[in-house]
C-alpha cells in the first residue's frame, strides 16, 4: 500500500465526502431529531414506570417480613 501524505489524505477524504456522502436536508434532519427526542422521552417514561413498579413490589415484599 502506497504511503500518502497527511495533506493528500485530507484532500481525498474531503473529495470523497463531497462526492459520495448523501447529506440530509434541513427538514430530514429536523424530523430525525424530533423522532429521536420522542423515543428518548418514551423510553425514559417506560423505565420510570417499570422502576416505580419494582420499587413498590420490593417495599411490599420487605414490609411483609418485618
Protein backbone atom coordinates (compact mmCIF):
# COMPACT_ATOMS: atom_id res chain seq x y z
CA UNK A 1 0.00 0.00 0.00
CA UNK A 2 1.43 3.35 -1.03
CA UNK A 3 2.02 5.96 1.65
CA UNK A 4 0.08 9.17 1.32
CA UNK A 5 1.00 12.48 2.89
CA UNK A 6 -1.37 13.82 5.56
CA UNK A 7 -2.36 16.73 3.30
CA UNK A 8 -3.19 14.38 0.42
CA UNK A 9 -5.16 12.14 2.77
CA UNK A 10 -7.27 15.10 3.94
CA UNK A 11 -7.86 16.14 0.30
CA UNK A 12 -9.01 12.63 -0.58
CA UNK A 13 -11.32 12.42 2.42
CA UNK A 14 -12.91 15.80 1.63
CA UNK A 15 -13.32 14.85 -2.02
CA UNK A 16 -14.97 11.56 -1.12
CA UNK A 17 -17.25 13.23 1.44
CA UNK A 18 -18.45 15.69 -1.17
CA UNK A 19 -18.96 13.08 -3.90
CA UNK A 20 -20.26 10.03 -2.03
CA UNK A 21 -21.98 11.19 1.13
CA UNK A 22 -25.68 11.95 0.92
CA UNK A 23 -26.33 14.78 3.36
CA UNK A 24 -29.85 15.13 4.80
CA UNK A 25 -31.93 18.20 4.10
CA UNK A 26 -32.85 20.53 6.98
CA UNK A 27 -36.33 19.01 7.04
CA UNK A 28 -34.99 15.44 7.20
CA UNK A 29 -32.55 16.38 9.96
CA UNK A 30 -35.33 18.09 11.91
CA UNK A 31 -37.71 15.16 11.59
CA UNK A 32 -34.99 12.71 12.60
CA UNK A 33 -34.04 14.85 15.60
CA UNK A 34 -37.65 15.08 16.78
CA UNK A 35 -38.09 11.32 16.32
CA UNK A 36 -35.00 10.60 18.40
CA UNK A 37 -36.12 13.01 21.13
CA UNK A 38 -39.60 11.45 21.19
CA UNK A 39 -38.11 7.98 21.53
CA UNK A 40 -35.84 9.16 24.36
CA UNK A 41 -38.85 10.54 26.23
CA UNK A 42 -40.89 7.37 25.60
CA UNK A 43 -38.11 5.04 26.77
CA UNK A 44 -37.39 7.22 29.82
CA UNK A 45 -41.10 7.17 30.76
CA UNK A 46 -41.24 3.40 30.27
CA UNK A 47 -38.25 2.79 32.53
CA UNK A 48 -39.59 5.26 35.10
CA UNK A 49 -42.86 3.32 35.31
CA UNK A 50 -41.07 -0.03 35.49
CA UNK A 51 -38.77 1.33 38.23
CA UNK A 52 -41.75 2.55 40.23
CA UNK A 53 -43.46 -0.85 39.93
CA UNK A 54 -40.35 -2.67 41.09
CA UNK A 55 -39.83 -0.21 43.95
CA UNK A 56 -43.40 -0.75 45.17
CA UNK A 57 -43.06 -4.54 44.83
CA UNK A 58 -39.81 -4.58 46.81
CA UNK A 59 -41.28 -2.35 49.53
CA UNK A 60 -44.31 -4.66 49.73
CA UNK A 61 -42.13 -7.79 49.97
CA UNK A 62 -39.80 -6.26 52.58
CA UNK A 63 -42.80 -4.89 54.50
CA UNK A 64 -44.21 -8.39 54.91
CA UNK A 65 -41.02 -9.62 56.59
CA UNK A 66 -40.83 -7.08 59.37
